C-alpha cells in the first residue's frame, strides 16, 4: 500500500518550512529538525560563524561527522558481535559433537 506524504511544518532558526513526508516518518523528521535548530543556534551563539548559510554548512558538517563516527563504531561493534557469535557457535558445535567433554 502506497503511503501519502503529508506536509509537516518545521521551524529552524526562526524560519518556517513545510516538508512532505510519510506519516510514519513524521516524528523522526520533527526530532531531526529540532536537533538541527539546536546545533545551528549553538553555532550562531558562539559568535565565530555568521550568516545563515555558513551556520547551516557548519551544522551540516558537524552532523555528517557525527554520522560518520557512529557508522564506524557500528561497523566495529557489528564485527565484534559477529566474531563473538562465531566463537559461541563453534563452542556449541564442539559440545554437541563431544558431549562427554562436559
N, C-alpha and C. Protein backbone atom coordinates (compact mmCIF):
# COMPACT_ATOMS: atom_id res chain seq x y z
N UNK A 1 0.83 -1.17 0.00
CA UNK A 1 0.00 0.00 0.00
C UNK A 1 0.89 1.25 0.00
N UNK A 2 0.63 2.17 -0.91
CA UNK A 2 1.42 3.39 -1.01
C UNK A 2 0.99 4.39 0.05
N UNK A 3 1.97 4.99 0.69
CA UNK A 3 1.70 5.99 1.72
C UNK A 3 1.59 7.36 1.05
N UNK A 4 0.66 8.16 1.55
CA UNK A 4 0.51 9.51 1.03
C UNK A 4 1.33 10.47 1.89
N UNK A 5 2.33 11.12 1.29
CA UNK A 5 3.11 12.09 2.07
C UNK A 5 2.21 13.21 2.59
N UNK A 6 2.47 13.61 3.81
CA UNK A 6 1.72 14.68 4.45
C UNK A 6 2.66 15.85 4.73
N UNK A 7 2.19 17.09 4.59
CA UNK A 7 3.05 18.23 4.91
C UNK A 7 3.26 18.36 6.42
N UNK A 8 4.49 18.65 6.79
CA UNK A 8 4.86 18.85 8.19
C UNK A 8 5.48 20.23 8.29
N UNK A 9 5.04 21.01 9.27
CA UNK A 9 5.59 22.34 9.49
C UNK A 9 6.75 22.26 10.47
N UNK A 10 7.88 22.84 10.06
CA UNK A 10 9.08 22.84 10.89
C UNK A 10 9.59 24.26 11.01
N UNK A 11 10.21 24.59 12.14
CA UNK A 11 10.83 25.89 12.31
C UNK A 11 12.29 25.68 12.65
N UNK A 12 13.15 26.25 11.81
CA UNK A 12 14.59 26.15 12.01
C UNK A 12 15.17 27.55 11.96
N UNK A 13 15.82 27.94 13.03
CA UNK A 13 16.41 29.28 13.16
C UNK A 13 15.39 30.37 12.85
N UNK A 14 14.16 30.18 13.33
CA UNK A 14 13.13 31.19 13.18
C UNK A 14 12.43 31.21 11.82
N UNK A 15 12.82 30.33 10.93
CA UNK A 15 12.18 30.28 9.61
C UNK A 15 11.32 29.03 9.53
N UNK A 16 10.16 29.18 8.94
CA UNK A 16 9.22 28.07 8.81
C UNK A 16 9.43 27.34 7.49
N UNK A 17 9.36 26.02 7.57
CA UNK A 17 9.49 25.17 6.40
C UNK A 17 8.35 24.16 6.41
N UNK A 18 7.82 23.86 5.25
CA UNK A 18 6.82 22.80 5.12
C UNK A 18 7.45 21.71 4.27
N UNK A 19 7.56 20.54 4.87
CA UNK A 19 8.21 19.41 4.22
C UNK A 19 7.20 18.27 4.12
N UNK A 20 7.13 17.65 2.97
CA UNK A 20 6.26 16.48 2.80
C UNK A 20 7.02 15.24 3.24
N UNK A 21 6.36 14.42 4.05
CA UNK A 21 6.99 13.16 4.46
C UNK A 21 5.90 12.13 4.76
N UNK A 22 6.31 10.87 4.77
CA UNK A 22 5.38 9.80 5.10
C UNK A 22 4.95 9.96 6.56
N UNK A 23 3.69 9.66 6.85
CA UNK A 23 3.19 9.82 8.22
C UNK A 23 4.02 9.07 9.27
N UNK A 24 4.53 7.89 8.91
CA UNK A 24 5.29 7.13 9.90
C UNK A 24 6.71 7.68 10.12
N UNK A 25 7.12 8.67 9.33
CA UNK A 25 8.43 9.30 9.50
C UNK A 25 8.33 10.69 10.11
N UNK A 26 7.12 11.13 10.40
CA UNK A 26 6.88 12.50 10.89
C UNK A 26 7.64 12.79 12.18
N UNK A 27 7.53 11.92 13.17
CA UNK A 27 8.19 12.17 14.46
C UNK A 27 9.71 12.26 14.30
N UNK A 28 10.29 11.38 13.47
CA UNK A 28 11.73 11.43 13.25
C UNK A 28 12.14 12.72 12.55
N UNK A 29 11.33 13.17 11.59
CA UNK A 29 11.63 14.42 10.89
C UNK A 29 11.58 15.60 11.85
N UNK A 30 10.58 15.64 12.69
CA UNK A 30 10.46 16.73 13.67
C UNK A 30 11.65 16.72 14.62
N UNK A 31 12.01 15.54 15.10
CA UNK A 31 13.16 15.42 16.01
C UNK A 31 14.44 15.89 15.30
N UNK A 32 14.62 15.49 14.05
CA UNK A 32 15.82 15.90 13.29
C UNK A 32 15.86 17.41 13.11
N UNK A 33 14.71 18.01 12.81
CA UNK A 33 14.66 19.47 12.64
C UNK A 33 14.98 20.17 13.95
N UNK A 34 14.51 19.64 15.06
CA UNK A 34 14.81 20.24 16.36
C UNK A 34 16.29 20.14 16.68
N UNK A 35 16.89 19.01 16.36
CA UNK A 35 18.33 18.84 16.59
C UNK A 35 19.13 19.80 15.71
N UNK A 36 18.74 19.93 14.45
CA UNK A 36 19.41 20.86 13.55
C UNK A 36 19.27 22.30 14.05
N UNK A 37 18.08 22.66 14.49
CA UNK A 37 17.84 24.00 15.02
C UNK A 37 18.74 24.27 16.21
N UNK A 38 18.85 23.31 17.11
CA UNK A 38 19.70 23.47 18.30
C UNK A 38 21.17 23.65 17.90
N UNK A 39 21.63 22.83 16.97
CA UNK A 39 23.03 22.92 16.54
C UNK A 39 23.30 24.26 15.86
N UNK A 40 22.38 24.69 15.01
CA UNK A 40 22.58 25.96 14.31
C UNK A 40 22.57 27.13 15.28
N UNK A 41 21.68 27.11 16.26
CA UNK A 41 21.63 28.19 17.25
C UNK A 41 22.91 28.21 18.10
N UNK A 42 23.41 27.04 18.44
CA UNK A 42 24.64 26.95 19.23
C UNK A 42 25.81 27.54 18.44
N UNK A 43 25.89 27.22 17.15
CA UNK A 43 26.96 27.76 16.30
C UNK A 43 26.80 29.28 16.18
N UNK A 44 25.58 29.74 15.95
CA UNK A 44 25.32 31.19 15.84
C UNK A 44 25.69 31.90 17.14
N UNK A 45 25.27 31.32 18.27
CA UNK A 45 25.50 31.95 19.56
C UNK A 45 26.98 31.96 19.96
N UNK A 46 27.78 31.08 19.36
CA UNK A 46 29.21 31.06 19.67
C UNK A 46 29.89 32.32 19.14
N UNK A 47 29.26 32.95 18.13
CA UNK A 47 29.80 34.18 17.58
C UNK A 47 30.95 33.99 16.61
N UNK A 48 31.36 32.76 16.38
CA UNK A 48 32.50 32.51 15.50
C UNK A 48 32.10 32.39 14.03
N UNK A 49 30.80 32.12 13.77
CA UNK A 49 30.33 31.97 12.40
C UNK A 49 29.11 32.87 12.23
N UNK A 50 29.10 33.62 11.14
CA UNK A 50 27.94 34.48 10.89
C UNK A 50 27.37 34.16 9.51
N UNK A 51 26.12 34.47 9.35
CA UNK A 51 25.43 34.19 8.09
C UNK A 51 24.75 32.84 8.15
N UNK A 52 23.47 32.85 7.83
CA UNK A 52 22.67 31.62 7.94
C UNK A 52 23.23 30.50 7.08
N UNK A 53 23.75 30.84 5.88
CA UNK A 53 24.27 29.79 5.02
C UNK A 53 25.52 29.15 5.61
N UNK A 54 26.40 29.95 6.18
CA UNK A 54 27.61 29.39 6.80
C UNK A 54 27.27 28.58 8.05
N UNK A 55 26.32 29.08 8.81
CA UNK A 55 25.89 28.35 10.01
C UNK A 55 25.30 27.00 9.59
N UNK A 56 24.49 27.00 8.54
CA UNK A 56 23.88 25.75 8.06
C UNK A 56 24.95 24.77 7.59
N UNK A 57 25.96 25.26 6.89
CA UNK A 57 27.04 24.39 6.41
C UNK A 57 27.81 23.81 7.59
N UNK A 58 28.12 24.62 8.58
CA UNK A 58 28.85 24.13 9.76
C UNK A 58 28.03 23.10 10.52
N UNK A 59 26.73 23.35 10.67
CA UNK A 59 25.87 22.39 11.36
C UNK A 59 25.80 21.08 10.56
N UNK A 60 25.67 21.20 9.24
CA UNK A 60 25.63 20.00 8.39
C UNK A 60 26.94 19.23 8.49
N UNK A 61 28.06 19.94 8.50
CA UNK A 61 29.36 19.29 8.62
C UNK A 61 29.49 18.57 9.97
N UNK A 62 29.06 19.23 11.04
CA UNK A 62 29.10 18.60 12.36
C UNK A 62 28.23 17.34 12.40
N UNK A 63 27.03 17.43 11.84
CA UNK A 63 26.13 16.27 11.83
C UNK A 63 26.69 15.15 10.96
N UNK A 64 27.27 15.51 9.82
CA UNK A 64 27.87 14.50 8.94
C UNK A 64 29.03 13.80 9.63
N UNK A 65 29.82 14.57 10.37
CA UNK A 65 30.94 13.98 11.12
C UNK A 65 30.43 13.01 12.19
N UNK A 66 29.42 13.44 12.94
CA UNK A 66 28.83 12.56 13.96
C UNK A 66 28.31 11.27 13.33
N UNK A 67 27.64 11.39 12.19
CA UNK A 67 27.11 10.22 11.49
C UNK A 67 28.25 9.30 11.06
N UNK A 68 29.32 9.87 10.53
CA UNK A 68 30.48 9.08 10.09
C UNK A 68 31.08 8.30 11.27
N UNK A 69 31.27 8.99 12.40
CA UNK A 69 31.84 8.35 13.59
C UNK A 69 30.92 7.22 14.06
N UNK A 70 29.62 7.47 14.09
CA UNK A 70 28.68 6.44 14.56
C UNK A 70 28.65 5.24 13.61
N UNK A 71 28.71 5.50 12.32
CA UNK A 71 28.75 4.39 11.35
C UNK A 71 30.00 3.54 11.55
N UNK A 72 31.12 4.21 11.81
CA UNK A 72 32.37 3.49 12.05
C UNK A 72 32.26 2.64 13.32
N UNK A 73 31.71 3.23 14.38
CA UNK A 73 31.53 2.49 15.63
C UNK A 73 30.58 1.32 15.43
N UNK A 74 29.51 1.54 14.66
CA UNK A 74 28.55 0.49 14.39
C UNK A 74 29.21 -0.67 13.64
N UNK A 75 30.06 -0.34 12.67
CA UNK A 75 30.75 -1.38 11.90
C UNK A 75 31.67 -2.19 12.81
N UNK A 76 32.36 -1.49 13.72
CA UNK A 76 33.25 -2.19 14.65
C UNK A 76 32.46 -3.07 15.60
N UNK A 77 31.34 -2.58 16.11
CA UNK A 77 30.50 -3.37 17.01
C UNK A 77 29.90 -4.57 16.29
N UNK A 78 29.50 -4.37 15.05
CA UNK A 78 28.94 -5.47 14.25
C UNK A 78 29.99 -6.55 14.03
N UNK A 79 31.21 -6.13 13.71
CA UNK A 79 32.29 -7.10 13.51
C UNK A 79 32.57 -7.86 14.80
N UNK A 80 32.63 -7.16 15.91
CA UNK A 80 32.88 -7.81 17.21
C UNK A 80 31.76 -8.78 17.55
N UNK A 81 30.52 -8.38 17.32
CA UNK A 81 29.38 -9.25 17.58
C UNK A 81 29.45 -10.50 16.72
N UNK A 82 29.75 -10.33 15.44
CA UNK A 82 29.85 -11.48 14.54
C UNK A 82 30.96 -12.43 14.97
N UNK A 83 32.08 -11.89 15.42
CA UNK A 83 33.18 -12.73 15.90
C UNK A 83 32.77 -13.50 17.15
N UNK A 84 32.09 -12.82 18.07
CA UNK A 84 31.64 -13.48 19.29
C UNK A 84 30.60 -14.55 19.00
N UNK A 85 29.69 -14.28 18.07
CA UNK A 85 28.68 -15.28 17.70
C UNK A 85 29.33 -16.49 17.03
N UNK A 86 30.31 -16.25 16.18
CA UNK A 86 31.01 -17.36 15.53
C UNK A 86 31.75 -18.19 16.56
N UNK A 87 32.36 -17.54 17.54
CA UNK A 87 33.07 -18.24 18.60
C UNK A 87 32.10 -19.08 19.44
N UNK A 88 30.95 -18.50 19.77
CA UNK A 88 29.93 -19.24 20.53
C UNK A 88 29.41 -20.43 19.75
N UNK A 89 29.13 -20.21 18.46
CA UNK A 89 28.64 -21.30 17.61
C UNK A 89 29.65 -22.44 17.58
N UNK A 90 30.93 -22.08 17.47
CA UNK A 90 31.99 -23.09 17.45
C UNK A 90 32.00 -23.88 18.76
N UNK A 91 31.88 -23.19 19.89
CA UNK A 91 31.87 -23.86 21.19
C UNK A 91 30.65 -24.78 21.31
N UNK A 92 29.49 -24.31 20.88
CA UNK A 92 28.26 -25.11 20.95
C UNK A 92 28.40 -26.36 20.08
N UNK A 93 28.94 -26.16 18.88
CA UNK A 93 29.13 -27.31 17.99
C UNK A 93 30.07 -28.33 18.60
N UNK A 94 31.14 -27.86 19.26
CA UNK A 94 32.08 -28.76 19.93
C UNK A 94 31.41 -29.56 21.03
N UNK A 95 30.56 -28.89 21.82
CA UNK A 95 29.85 -29.58 22.90
C UNK A 95 28.88 -30.61 22.34
N UNK A 96 28.18 -30.25 21.28
CA UNK A 96 27.21 -31.17 20.68
C UNK A 96 27.91 -32.37 20.03
N UNK A 97 29.06 -32.13 19.46
CA UNK A 97 29.81 -33.22 18.82
C UNK A 97 30.52 -34.11 19.84
N UNK A 98 30.86 -33.55 20.99
CA UNK A 98 31.59 -34.28 22.02
C UNK A 98 30.92 -34.09 23.37
N UNK A 99 29.76 -34.68 23.59
CA UNK A 99 29.03 -34.45 24.85
C UNK A 99 29.76 -34.99 26.07
N UNK A 100 30.68 -35.92 25.90
CA UNK A 100 31.37 -36.49 27.05
C UNK A 100 32.38 -35.52 27.66
N UNK A 101 32.72 -34.45 26.97
CA UNK A 101 33.71 -33.47 27.46
C UNK A 101 33.12 -32.60 28.55
N UNK A 102 31.83 -32.44 28.60
CA UNK A 102 31.19 -31.57 29.58
C UNK A 102 31.63 -31.99 30.93
